[in-house]
């Protein structure tokens, strides 16, 4: 599966938070990630994959119902180079994401400070 990770800015917060968007090149579908169990290690992988930083801060964002969801219960160690290398579910079999927010990231590039 060809999965491109990107984000959109959410200006409802005081500082930039970005909704994680997944684009499937086979189906042309853009989807989001459920924020259940989403943490800083997961966000770090997204930041590194997109080249926007080497440290990620997990930032749940209000659900955008314009997008379907394709990743649930994501677990990354933080050492992966691509979100698809992390462990995740492709369905919400435990029904934990019915009212859960979308996964978001805030990236920090520590190279800017050296």
Protein backbone atom coordinates (compact mmCIF):
# COMPACT_ATOMS: atom_id res chain seq x y z
CA UNK A 1 0.00 0.00 0.00
CA UNK A 2 1.38 3.38 -1.04
CA UNK A 3 0.71 5.75 1.87
CA UNK A 4 1.71 9.42 1.88
CA UNK A 5 1.65 11.25 5.21
CA UNK A 6 0.87 14.94 5.30
CA UNK A 7 -1.03 17.35 7.53
CA UNK A 8 -3.26 20.37 7.58
CA UNK A 9 -2.93 23.23 10.03
CA UNK A 10 -5.57 23.65 12.72
CA UNK A 11 -5.77 27.36 13.53
CA UNK A 12 -8.23 26.87 16.39
CA UNK A 13 -5.29 26.42 18.78
CA UNK A 14 -2.96 29.15 20.04
CA UNK A 15 0.06 27.42 18.52
CA UNK A 16 0.33 25.44 15.33
CA UNK A 17 -1.13 21.96 15.57
CA UNK A 18 -1.38 19.85 12.48
CA UNK A 19 -3.91 17.11 11.71
CA UNK A 20 -2.21 13.98 10.39
CA UNK A 21 -3.57 13.13 6.94
CA UNK A 22 -2.94 9.86 5.12
CA UNK A 23 -3.20 9.73 1.34
CA UNK A 24 -3.62 6.35 -0.33
CA UNK A 25 -2.31 6.59 -3.90
CA UNK A 26 -4.16 3.42 -4.94
CA UNK A 27 -7.63 4.62 -3.90
CA UNK A 28 -7.03 8.40 -3.99
CA UNK A 29 -8.51 8.49 -0.48
CA UNK A 30 -7.39 10.96 2.18
CA UNK A 31 -8.04 9.84 5.75
CA UNK A 32 -7.10 10.65 9.33
CA UNK A 33 -5.61 8.76 12.28
CA UNK A 34 -7.61 8.15 15.45
CA UNK A 35 -6.00 9.89 18.44
CA UNK A 36 -6.69 6.97 20.81
CA UNK A 37 -3.24 5.95 22.18
CA UNK A 38 -1.56 8.57 19.92
CA UNK A 39 1.62 9.76 21.68
CA UNK A 40 4.86 11.68 21.18
CA UNK A 41 6.70 8.67 19.69
CA UNK A 42 4.02 8.37 17.01
CA UNK A 43 4.17 12.11 16.32
CA UNK A 44 7.98 11.99 16.12
CA UNK A 45 7.78 9.44 13.29
CA UNK A 46 5.42 11.74 11.35
CA UNK A 47 7.71 14.74 11.86
CA UNK A 48 10.78 12.82 10.70
CA UNK A 49 8.91 11.28 7.74
CA UNK A 50 7.71 14.66 6.48
CA UNK A 51 11.05 16.39 7.16
CA UNK A 52 9.44 18.94 9.47
CA UNK A 53 11.46 18.13 12.58
CA UNK A 54 13.14 15.47 14.63
CA UNK A 55 10.91 15.67 17.72
CA UNK A 56 7.15 15.38 17.67
CA UNK A 57 4.53 16.39 20.21
CA UNK A 58 1.20 14.56 20.03
CA UNK A 59 -1.68 17.03 19.78
CA UNK A 60 -5.23 15.64 19.55
CA UNK A 61 -7.45 17.77 17.33
CA UNK A 62 -11.25 17.89 17.09
CA UNK A 63 -12.49 15.26 14.66
CA UNK A 64 -12.99 16.34 11.06
CA UNK A 65 -15.87 14.23 9.73
CA UNK A 66 -14.99 15.19 6.14
CA UNK A 67 -12.34 12.47 6.32
CA UNK A 68 -12.71 8.77 6.98
CA UNK A 69 -10.23 7.05 9.29
CA UNK A 70 -7.76 4.38 8.22
CA UNK A 71 -5.38 4.02 11.20
CA UNK A 72 -6.32 3.09 14.74
CA UNK A 73 -4.36 2.27 17.89
CA UNK A 74 -1.01 3.32 16.39
CA UNK A 75 2.12 2.21 18.25
CA UNK A 76 5.56 3.48 17.22
CA UNK A 77 8.86 3.23 19.07
CA UNK A 78 9.97 6.56 17.59
CA UNK A 79 12.80 4.95 15.59
CA UNK A 80 10.72 4.20 12.50
CA UNK A 81 11.23 6.32 9.38
CA UNK A 82 7.68 5.85 8.06
CA UNK A 83 4.34 5.70 9.87
CA UNK A 84 3.44 2.54 7.98
CA UNK A 85 6.34 0.76 9.76
CA UNK A 86 4.56 1.22 13.10
CA UNK A 87 2.07 -1.25 14.51
CA UNK A 88 -1.54 -0.19 13.93
CA UNK A 89 -5.04 -1.48 13.31
CA UNK A 90 -6.95 -0.82 10.09
CA UNK A 91 -10.34 -0.93 11.79
CA UNK A 92 -11.79 0.20 15.09
CA UNK A 93 -12.76 -3.27 16.28
CA UNK A 94 -12.74 -2.19 19.94
CA UNK A 95 -14.93 0.88 19.19
CA UNK A 96 -12.49 3.20 20.97
CA UNK A 97 -12.60 5.89 18.28
CA UNK A 98 -16.30 6.65 17.98
CA UNK A 99 -15.96 9.99 19.75
CA UNK A 100 -12.16 10.21 19.83
CA UNK A 101 -10.29 13.13 18.30
CA UNK A 102 -8.02 13.05 15.24
CA UNK A 103 -4.28 12.60 15.71
CA UNK A 104 -2.25 15.77 15.35
CA UNK A 105 1.40 16.76 15.56
CA UNK A 106 3.53 19.70 16.52
CA UNK A 107 7.06 19.29 15.16
CA UNK A 108 10.28 20.68 16.61
CA UNK A 109 13.47 20.85 14.55
CA UNK A 110 16.32 20.79 17.08
CA UNK A 111 18.77 21.46 14.24
CA UNK A 112 17.50 25.04 14.25
CA UNK A 113 19.06 25.52 17.69
CA UNK A 114 22.55 24.18 17.02
